[in-house]
């Protein structure tokens, strides 16, 4: 399912127009992105938690030359599924 499929399904199930659902979905994604960018967690009880995790620096290899390179530390987005989501996927 892609974003357009999600918007269509939510529109059918909620009775809202696709335009309104698209605004809500885009607003949700923007807020999650903003929160993660400022180091906050977004916790949706039962569904899951969006958070950032620190990835430490490490050594890697350039696939073209085989040379060892140092990959710097970074923050990466992560999602941890909640209990209801895990149960639904079982």
PDB file of N, CA and C in Angstrom:
ATOM      1  N   UNK A   1       0.848  -1.170   0.000  1.00  0.00           N
ATOM      2  CA  UNK A   1       0.000   0.000   0.000  1.00  0.00           C
ATOM      3  C   UNK A   1       0.897   1.236   0.000  1.00  0.00           C
ATOM      4  N   UNK A   2       0.578   2.182  -0.863  1.00  0.00           N
ATOM      5  CA  UNK A   2       1.323   3.430  -0.869  1.00  0.00           C
ATOM      6  C   UNK A   2       0.464   4.540  -0.267  1.00  0.00           C
ATOM      7  N   UNK A   3       0.976   5.748  -0.261  1.00  0.00           N
ATOM      8  CA  UNK A   3       0.292   6.875   0.363  1.00  0.00           C
ATOM      9  C   UNK A   3      -1.074   7.122  -0.279  1.00  0.00           C
ATOM     10  N   UNK A   4      -1.164   7.078  -1.601  1.00  0.00           N
ATOM     11  CA  UNK A   4      -2.438   7.302  -2.284  1.00  0.00           C
ATOM     12  C   UNK A   4      -3.456   6.219  -1.942  1.00  0.00           C
ATOM     13  N   UNK A   5      -3.009   4.974  -1.847  1.00  0.00           N
ATOM     14  CA  UNK A   5      -3.900   3.880  -1.452  1.00  0.00           C
ATOM     15  C   UNK A   5      -4.430   4.108  -0.041  1.00  0.00           C
ATOM     16  N   UNK A   6      -3.558   4.529   0.856  1.00  0.00           N
ATOM     17  CA  UNK A   6      -3.951   4.815   2.236  1.00  0.00           C
ATOM     18  C   UNK A   6      -5.007   5.916   2.269  1.00  0.00           C
ATOM     19  N   UNK A   7      -4.770   6.983   1.531  1.00  0.00           N
ATOM     20  CA  UNK A   7      -5.714   8.105   1.492  1.00  0.00           C
ATOM     21  C   UNK A   7      -7.071   7.634   0.963  1.00  0.00           C
ATOM     22  N   UNK A   8      -7.066   6.835  -0.085  1.00  0.00           N
ATOM     23  CA  UNK A   8      -8.314   6.330  -0.659  1.00  0.00           C
ATOM     24  C   UNK A   8      -9.076   5.466   0.340  1.00  0.00           C
ATOM     25  N   UNK A   9      -8.384   4.561   1.008  1.00  0.00           N
ATOM     26  CA  UNK A   9      -9.041   3.669   1.967  1.00  0.00           C
ATOM     27  C   UNK A   9      -9.604   4.434   3.159  1.00  0.00           C
ATOM     28  N   UNK A  10      -8.824   5.370   3.689  1.00  0.00           N
ATOM     29  CA  UNK A  10      -9.306   6.154   4.833  1.00  0.00           C
ATOM     30  C   UNK A  10     -10.494   7.007   4.415  1.00  0.00           C
ATOM     31  N   UNK A  11     -10.445   7.547   3.226  1.00  0.00           N
ATOM     32  CA  UNK A  11     -11.556   8.346   2.711  1.00  0.00           C
ATOM     33  C   UNK A  11     -12.841   7.522   2.634  1.00  0.00           C
ATOM     34  N   UNK A  12     -12.749   6.312   2.117  1.00  0.00           N
ATOM     35  CA  UNK A  12     -13.923   5.434   2.009  1.00  0.00           C
ATOM     36  C   UNK A  12     -14.458   5.046   3.385  1.00  0.00           C
ATOM     37  N   UNK A  13     -13.552   4.721   4.319  1.00  0.00           N
ATOM     38  CA  UNK A  13     -13.965   4.262   5.646  1.00  0.00           C
ATOM     39  C   UNK A  13     -14.485   5.381   6.534  1.00  0.00           C
ATOM     40  N   UNK A  14     -14.028   6.605   6.319  1.00  0.00           N
ATOM     41  CA  UNK A  14     -14.404   7.708   7.202  1.00  0.00           C
ATOM     42  C   UNK A  14     -15.509   8.590   6.639  1.00  0.00           C
ATOM     43  N   UNK A  15     -15.733   8.508   5.336  1.00  0.00           N
ATOM     44  CA  UNK A  15     -16.719   9.381   4.721  1.00  0.00           C
ATOM     45  C   UNK A  15     -16.181  10.775   4.434  1.00  0.00           C
ATOM     46  N   UNK A  16     -14.901  10.999   4.703  1.00  0.00           N
ATOM     47  CA  UNK A  16     -14.272  12.287   4.418  1.00  0.00           C
ATOM     48  C   UNK A  16     -13.841  12.317   2.952  1.00  0.00           C
ATOM     49  N   UNK A  17     -13.648  13.520   2.436  1.00  0.00           N
ATOM     50  CA  UNK A  17     -13.164  13.636   1.057  1.00  0.00           C
ATOM     51  C   UNK A  17     -11.688  13.265   1.003  1.00  0.00           C
ATOM     52  N   UNK A  18     -11.230  12.868  -0.172  1.00  0.00           N
ATOM     53  CA  UNK A  18      -9.816  12.528  -0.342  1.00  0.00           C
ATOM     54  C   UNK A  18      -8.935  13.730  -0.037  1.00  0.00           C
ATOM     55  N   UNK A  19      -9.379  14.938  -0.429  1.00  0.00           N
ATOM     56  CA  UNK A  19      -8.591  16.152  -0.170  1.00  0.00           C
ATOM     57  C   UNK A  19      -8.388  16.360   1.325  1.00  0.00           C
ATOM     58  N   UNK A  20      -9.459  16.169   2.112  1.00  0.00           N
ATOM     59  CA  UNK A  20      -9.358  16.349   3.555  1.00  0.00           C
ATOM     60  C   UNK A  20      -8.464  15.286   4.182  1.00  0.00           C
ATOM     61  N   UNK A  21      -8.609  14.052   3.746  1.00  0.00           N
ATOM     62  CA  UNK A  21      -7.779  12.960   4.275  1.00  0.00           C
ATOM     63  C   UNK A  21      -6.314  13.210   3.915  1.00  0.00           C
ATOM     64  N   UNK A  22      -6.071  13.682   2.696  1.00  0.00           N
ATOM     65  CA  UNK A  22      -4.697  13.971   2.281  1.00  0.00           C
ATOM     66  C   UNK A  22      -4.081  15.044   3.175  1.00  0.00           C
ATOM     67  N   UNK A  23      -4.852  16.069   3.532  1.00  0.00           N
ATOM     68  CA  UNK A  23      -4.355  17.117   4.443  1.00  0.00           C
ATOM     69  C   UNK A  23      -4.010  16.533   5.806  1.00  0.00           C
ATOM     70  N   UNK A  24      -4.864  15.642   6.300  1.00  0.00           N
ATOM     71  CA  UNK A  24      -4.620  15.021   7.606  1.00  0.00           C
ATOM     72  C   UNK A  24      -3.372  14.146   7.562  1.00  0.00           C
ATOM     73  N   UNK A  25      -3.252  13.308   6.535  1.00  0.00           N
ATOM     74  CA  UNK A  25      -2.092  12.420   6.415  1.00  0.00           C
ATOM     75  C   UNK A  25      -0.811  13.243   6.283  1.00  0.00           C
ATOM     76  N   UNK A  26      -0.819  14.253   5.420  1.00  0.00           N
ATOM     77  CA  UNK A  26       0.366  15.098   5.261  1.00  0.00           C
ATOM     78  C   UNK A  26       0.696  15.836   6.551  1.00  0.00           C
ATOM     79  N   UNK A  27      -0.335  16.314   7.258  1.00  0.00           N
ATOM     80  CA  UNK A  27      -0.110  16.983   8.543  1.00  0.00           C
ATOM     81  C   UNK A  27       0.504  16.055   9.565  1.00  0.00           C
ATOM     82  N   UNK A  28       0.001  14.817   9.614  1.00  0.00           N
ATOM     83  CA  UNK A  28       0.549  13.817  10.531  1.00  0.00           C
ATOM     84  C   UNK A  28       2.017  13.546  10.226  1.00  0.00           C
ATOM     85  N   UNK A  29       2.321  13.320   8.950  1.00  0.00           N
ATOM     86  CA  UNK A  29       3.698  13.020   8.555  1.00  0.00           C
ATOM     87  C   UNK A  29       4.623  14.204   8.841  1.00  0.00           C
ATOM     88  N   UNK A  30       4.151  15.420   8.593  1.00  0.00           N
ATOM     89  CA  UNK A  30       4.959  16.610   8.884  1.00  0.00           C
ATOM     90  C   UNK A  30       5.248  16.732  10.375  1.00  0.00           C
ATOM     91  N   UNK A  31       4.243  16.484  11.203  1.00  0.00           N
ATOM     92  CA  UNK A  31       4.432  16.594  12.652  1.00  0.00           C
ATOM     93  C   UNK A  31       5.371  15.523  13.188  1.00  0.00           C
ATOM     94  N   UNK A  32       5.247  14.299  12.680  1.00  0.00           N
ATOM     95  CA  UNK A  32       6.167  13.228  13.104  1.00  0.00           C
ATOM     96  C   UNK A  32       7.596  13.585  12.690  1.00  0.00           C
ATOM     97  N   UNK A  33       7.755  14.080  11.470  1.00  0.00           N
ATOM     98  CA  UNK A  33       9.079  14.458  10.974  1.00  0.00           C
ATOM     99  C   UNK A  33       9.674  15.578  11.818  1.00  0.00           C
ATOM    100  N   UNK A  34       8.874  16.587  12.131  1.00  0.00           N
ATOM    101  CA  UNK A  34       9.344  17.715  12.944  1.00  0.00           C
ATOM    102  C   UNK A  34       9.738  17.246  14.343  1.00  0.00           C
ATOM    103  N   UNK A  35       8.908  16.404  14.940  1.00  0.00           N
ATOM    104  CA  UNK A  35       9.197  15.909  16.287  1.00  0.00           C
ATOM    105  C   UNK A  35      10.486  15.093  16.308  1.00  0.00           C
ATOM    106  N   UNK A  36      10.657  14.190  15.348  1.00  0.00           N
ATOM    107  CA  UNK A  36      11.876  13.388  15.305  1.00  0.00           C
ATOM    108  C   UNK A  36      13.098  14.259  15.048  1.00  0.00           C
ATOM    109  N   UNK A  37      12.934  15.282  14.223  1.00  0.00           N
ATOM    110  CA  UNK A  37      14.039  16.190  13.937  1.00  0.00           C
ATOM    111  C   UNK A  37      14.510  16.955  15.160  1.00  0.00           C
ATOM    112  N   UNK A  38      13.599  17.175  16.114  1.00  0.00           N
ATOM    113  CA  UNK A  38      13.984  17.886  17.330  1.00  0.00           C
ATOM    114  C   UNK A  38      14.268  16.934  18.492  1.00  0.00           C
ATOM    115  N   UNK A  39      14.348  15.635  18.188  1.00  0.00           N
ATOM    116  CA  UNK A  39      14.742  14.655  19.203  1.00  0.00           C
ATOM    117  C   UNK A  39      13.600  14.120  20.048  1.00  0.00           C
ATOM    118  N   UNK A  40      12.359  14.433  19.716  1.00  0.00           N
ATOM    119  CA  UNK A  40      11.214  13.943  20.476  1.00  0.00           C
ATOM    120  C   UNK A  40      10.778  12.568  19.986  1.00  0.00           C
ATOM    121  N   UNK A  41      10.046  11.852  20.838  1.00  0.00           N
ATOM    122  CA  UNK A  41       9.410  10.596  20.464  1.00  0.00           C
ATOM    123  C   UNK A  41       7.961  10.898  20.108  1.00  0.00           C
ATOM    124  N   UNK A  42       7.390  10.094  19.227  1.00  0.00           N
ATOM    125  CA  UNK A  42       5.964  10.154  18.939  1.00  0.00           C
ATOM    126  C   UNK A  42       5.404   8.788  19.293  1.00  0.00           C
ATOM    127  N   UNK A  43       4.600   8.748  20.350  1.00  0.00           N
ATOM    128  CA  UNK A  43       4.112   7.474  20.863  1.00  0.00           C
ATOM    129  C   UNK A  43       2.605   7.379  20.633  1.00  0.00           C
ATOM    130  N   UNK A  44       2.192   6.366  19.890  1.00  0.00           N
ATOM    131  CA  UNK A  44       0.787   6.092  19.630  1.00  0.00           C
ATOM    132  C   UNK A  44       0.470   4.765  20.321  1.00  0.00           C
ATOM    133  N   UNK A  45      -0.159   4.849  21.494  1.00  0.00           N
ATOM    134  CA  UNK A  45      -0.393   3.677  22.333  1.00  0.00           C
ATOM    135  C   UNK A  45      -1.096   2.580  21.524  1.00  0.00           C
ATOM    136  N   UNK A  46      -0.545   1.387  21.576  1.00  0.00           N
ATOM    137  CA  UNK A  46      -1.103   0.240  20.875  1.00  0.00           C
ATOM    138  C   UNK A  46      -0.591   0.100  19.452  1.00  0.00           C
ATOM    139  N   UNK A  47      -0.255   1.219  18.809  1.00  0.00           N
ATOM    140  CA  UNK A  47       0.234   1.165  17.428  1.00  0.00           C
ATOM    141  C   UNK A  47       1.750   1.085  17.396  1.00  0.00           C
ATOM    142  N   UNK A  48       2.418   2.038  18.050  1.00  0.00           N
ATOM    143  CA  UNK A  48       3.869   2.004  18.075  1.00  0.00           C
ATOM    144  C   UNK A  48       4.484   3.344  18.410  1.00  0.00           C
ATOM    145  N   UNK A  49       5.799   3.371  18.394  1.00  0.00           N
ATOM    146  CA  UNK A  49       6.552   4.563  18.752  1.00  0.00           C
ATOM    147  C   UNK A  49       7.561   4.888  17.664  1.00  0.00           C
ATOM    148  N   UNK A  50       7.533   6.129  17.215  1.00  0.00           N
ATOM    149  CA  UNK A  50       8.533   6.658  16.294  1.00  0.00           C
ATOM    150  C   UNK A  50       9.570   7.358  17.167  1.00  0.00           C
ATOM    151  N   UNK A  51      10.844   7.070  16.929  1.00  0.00           N
ATOM    152  CA  UNK A  51      11.911   7.693  17.719  1.00  0.00           C
ATOM    153  C   UNK A  51      13.185   7.762  16.888  1.00  0.00           C
ATOM    154  N   UNK A  52      14.175   8.451  17.423  1.00  0.00           N
ATOM    155  CA  UNK A  52      15.481   8.468  16.772  1.00  0.00           C
ATOM    156  C   UNK A  52      16.448   7.655  17.619  1.00  0.00           C
ATOM    157  N   UNK A  53      17.367   7.022  16.947  1.00  0.00           N
ATOM    158  CA  UNK A  53      18.405   6.252  17.634  1.00  0.00           C
ATOM    159  C   UNK A  53      19.758   6.725  17.156  1.00  0.00           C
ATOM    160  N   UNK A  54      20.723   6.670  18.022  1.00  0.00           N
ATOM    161  CA  UNK A  54      22.090   7.080  17.702  1.00  0.00           C
ATOM    162  C   UNK A  54      22.834   5.895  17.116  1.00  0.00           C
ATOM    163  N   UNK A  55      23.363   6.065  15.937  1.00  0.00           N
ATOM    164  CA  UNK A  55      24.193   5.030  15.305  1.00  0.00           C
ATOM    165  C   UNK A  55      25.639   5.489  15.460  1.00  0.00           C
ATOM    166  N   UNK A  56      26.441   4.673  16.103  1.00  0.00           N
ATOM    167  CA  UNK A  56      27.834   5.064  16.358  1.00  0.00           C
ATOM    168  C   UNK A  56      28.663   4.991  15.076  1.00  0.00           C
ATOM    169  N   UNK A  57      29.799   5.647  15.127  1.00  0.00           N
ATOM    170  CA  UNK A  57      30.687   5.623  13.953  1.00  0.00           C
ATOM    171  C   UNK A  57      31.254   4.214  13.790  1.00  0.00           C
ATOM    172  N   UNK A  58      31.578   3.886  12.559  1.00  0.00           N
ATOM    173  CA  UNK A  58      32.090   2.547  12.288  1.00  0.00           C
ATOM    174  C   UNK A  58      32.936   2.564  11.019  1.00  0.00           C
ATOM    175  N   UNK A  59      33.655   1.502  10.822  1.00  0.00           N
ATOM    176  CA  UNK A  59      34.460   1.367   9.612  1.00  0.00           C
ATOM    177  C   UNK A  59      33.647   0.643   8.553  1.00  0.00           C
ATOM    178  N   UNK A  60      33.837   1.055   7.310  1.00  0.00           N
ATOM    179  CA  UNK A  60      33.158   0.412   6.193  1.00  0.00           C
ATOM    180  C   UNK A  60      34.114   0.292   5.027  1.00  0.00           C
ATOM    181  N   UNK A  61      33.648  -0.234   3.934  1.00  0.00           N
ATOM    182  CA  UNK A  61      34.478  -0.381   2.741  1.00  0.00           C
ATOM    183  C   UNK A  61      33.806   0.290   1.563  1.00  0.00           C
ATOM    184  N   UNK A  62      34.616   0.978   0.764  1.00  0.00           N
ATOM    185  CA  UNK A  62      34.149   1.537  -0.484  1.00  0.00           C
ATOM    186  C   UNK A  62      33.996   0.364  -1.455  1.00  0.00           C
ATOM    187  N   UNK A  63      32.784   0.091  -1.963  1.00  0.00           N
ATOM    188  CA  UNK A  63      32.604  -1.084  -2.810  1.00  0.00           C
ATOM    189  C   UNK A  63      33.351  -1.007  -4.145  1.00  0.00           C
ATOM    190  N   UNK A  64      33.663   0.190  -4.615  1.00  0.00           N
ATOM    191  CA  UNK A  64      34.375   0.315  -5.890  1.00  0.00           C
ATOM    192  C   UNK A  64      35.866   0.074  -5.744  1.00  0.00           C
ATOM    193  N   UNK A  65      36.448   0.597  -4.665  1.00  0.00           N
ATOM    194  CA  UNK A  65      37.903   0.493  -4.511  1.00  0.00           C
ATOM    195  C   UNK A  65      38.327  -0.524  -3.459  1.00  0.00           C
ATOM    196  N   UNK A  66      37.410  -0.869  -2.555  1.00  0.00           N
ATOM    197  CA  UNK A  66      37.769  -1.781  -1.476  1.00  0.00           C
ATOM    198  C   UNK A  66      38.479  -1.084  -0.330  1.00  0.00           C
ATOM    199  N   UNK A  67      38.679   0.236  -0.455  1.00  0.00           N
ATOM    200  CA  UNK A  67      39.372   0.990   0.590  1.00  0.00           C
ATOM    201  C   UNK A  67      38.502   1.102   1.836  1.00  0.00           C
ATOM    202  N   UNK A  68      39.152   1.052   2.998  1.00  0.00           N
ATOM    203  CA  UNK A  68      38.442   1.226   4.263  1.00  0.00           C
ATOM    204  C   UNK A  68      38.130   2.707   4.454  1.00  0.00           C
ATOM    205  N   UNK A  69      36.874   2.984   4.838  1.00  0.00           N
ATOM    206  CA  UNK A  69      36.478   4.368   5.118  1.00  0.00           C
ATOM    207  C   UNK A  69      35.827   4.423   6.489  1.00  0.00           C
ATOM    208  N   UNK A  70      35.858   5.588   7.094  1.00  0.00           N
ATOM    209  CA  UNK A  70      35.230   5.794   8.392  1.00  0.00           C
ATOM    210  C   UNK A  70      33.840   6.381   8.155  1.00  0.00           C
ATOM    211  N   UNK A  71      32.809   5.687   8.634  1.00  0.00           N
ATOM    212  CA  UNK A  71      31.436   6.170   8.512  1.00  0.00           C
ATOM    213  C   UNK A  71      31.106   6.914   9.805  1.00  0.00           C
ATOM    214  N   UNK A  72      30.754   8.197   9.710  1.00  0.00           N
ATOM    215  CA  UNK A  72      30.540   8.988  10.923  1.00  0.00           C
ATOM    216  C   UNK A  72      29.278   8.569  11.684  1.00  0.00           C
ATOM    217  N   UNK A  73      29.226   8.913  12.962  1.00  0.00           N
ATOM    218  CA  UNK A  73      28.045   8.655  13.784  1.00  0.00           C
ATOM    219  C   UNK A  73      26.882   9.486  13.249  1.00  0.00           C
ATOM    220  N   UNK A  74      25.662   8.978  13.447  1.00  0.00           N
ATOM    221  CA  UNK A  74      24.485   9.711  12.973  1.00  0.00           C
ATOM    222  C   UNK A  74      23.255   9.312  13.782  1.00  0.00           C
ATOM    223  N   UNK A  75      22.236  10.134  13.679  1.00  0.00           N
ATOM    224  CA  UNK A  75      20.932   9.804  14.246  1.00  0.00           C
ATOM    225  C   UNK A  75      20.075   9.234  13.121  1.00  0.00           C
ATOM    226  N   UNK A  76      19.353   8.156  13.402  1.00  0.00           N
ATOM    227  CA  UNK A  76      18.502   7.535  12.394  1.00  0.00           C
ATOM    228  C   UNK A  76      17.087   7.373  12.947  1.00  0.00           C
ATOM    229  N   UNK A  77      16.072   7.495  12.092  1.00  0.00           N
ATOM    230  CA  UNK A  77      14.708   7.274  12.569  1.00  0.00           C
ATOM    231  C   UNK A  77      14.464   5.784  12.780  1.00  0.00           C
ATOM    232  N   UNK A  78      13.607   5.480  13.760  1.00  0.00           N
ATOM    233  CA  UNK A  78      13.280   4.084  14.057  1.00  0.00           C
ATOM    234  C   UNK A  78      11.812   3.998  14.453  1.00  0.00           C
ATOM    235  N   UNK A  79      11.230   2.826  14.240  1.00  0.00           N
ATOM    236  CA  UNK A  79       9.848   2.576  14.631  1.00  0.00           C
ATOM    237  C   UNK A  79       9.802   1.297  15.436  1.00  0.00           C
ATOM    238  N   UNK A  80       9.147   1.348  16.586  1.00  0.00           N
ATOM    239  CA  UNK A  80       8.980   0.168  17.429  1.00  0.00           C
ATOM    240  C   UNK A  80       7.487  -0.124  17.502  1.00  0.00           C
ATOM    241  N   UNK A  81       7.072  -1.272  17.003  1.00  0.00           N
ATOM    242  CA  UNK A  81       5.653  -1.636  16.943  1.00  0.00           C
ATOM    243  C   UNK A  81       5.065  -1.818  18.326  1.00  0.00           C
ATOM    244  N   UNK A  82       3.807  -1.396  18.478  1.00  0.00           N
ATOM    245  CA  UNK A  82       3.085  -1.553  19.731  1.00  0.00           C
ATOM    246  C   UNK A  82       2.389  -2.911  19.808  1.00  0.00           C
ATOM    247  N   UNK A  83       1.775  -3.186  20.936  1.00  0.00           N
ATOM    248  CA  UNK A  83       1.187  -4.502  21.176  1.00  0.00           C
ATOM    249  C   UNK A  83       0.036  -4.832  20.231  1.00  0.00           C
ATOM    250  N   UNK A  84      -0.856  -3.882  19.968  1.00  0.00           N
ATOM    251  CA  UNK A  84      -1.986  -4.177  19.081  1.00  0.00           C
ATOM    252  C   UNK A  84      -1.524  -4.420  17.656  1.00  0.00           C
ATOM    253  N   UNK A  85      -0.530  -3.673  17.206  1.00  0.00           N
ATOM    254  CA  UNK A  85       0.002  -3.865  15.852  1.00  0.00           C
ATOM    255  C   UNK A  85       0.688  -5.222  15.741  1.00  0.00           C
ATOM    256  N   UNK A  86       1.464  -5.584  16.740  1.00  0.00           N
ATOM    257  CA  UNK A  86       2.131  -6.885  16.731  1.00  0.00           C
ATOM    258  C   UNK A  86       1.106  -8.017  16.702  1.00  0.00           C
ATOM    259  N   UNK A  87       0.040  -7.865  17.480  1.00  0.00           N
ATOM    260  CA  UNK A  87      -0.991  -8.895  17.542  1.00  0.00           C
ATOM    261  C   UNK A  87      -1.728  -9.008  16.197  1.00  0.00           C
ATOM    262  N   UNK A  88      -1.963  -7.896  15.534  1.00  0.00           N
ATOM    263  CA  UNK A  88      -2.675  -7.908  14.257  1.00  0.00           C
ATOM    264  C   UNK A  88      -1.848  -8.558  13.149  1.00  0.00           C
ATOM    265  N   UNK A  89      -0.536  -8.486  13.253  1.00  0.00           N
ATOM    266  CA  UNK A  89       0.355  -9.014  12.225  1.00  0.00           C
ATOM    267  C   UNK A  89       0.620 -10.508  12.421  1.00  0.00           C
ATOM    268  N   UNK A  90       0.425 -10.982  13.635  1.00  0.00           N
ATOM    269  CA  UNK A  90       0.712 -12.397  13.953  1.00  0.00           C
ATOM    270  C   UNK A  90       0.169 -13.336  12.955  1.00  0.00           C
TER     271      UNK A  90
END
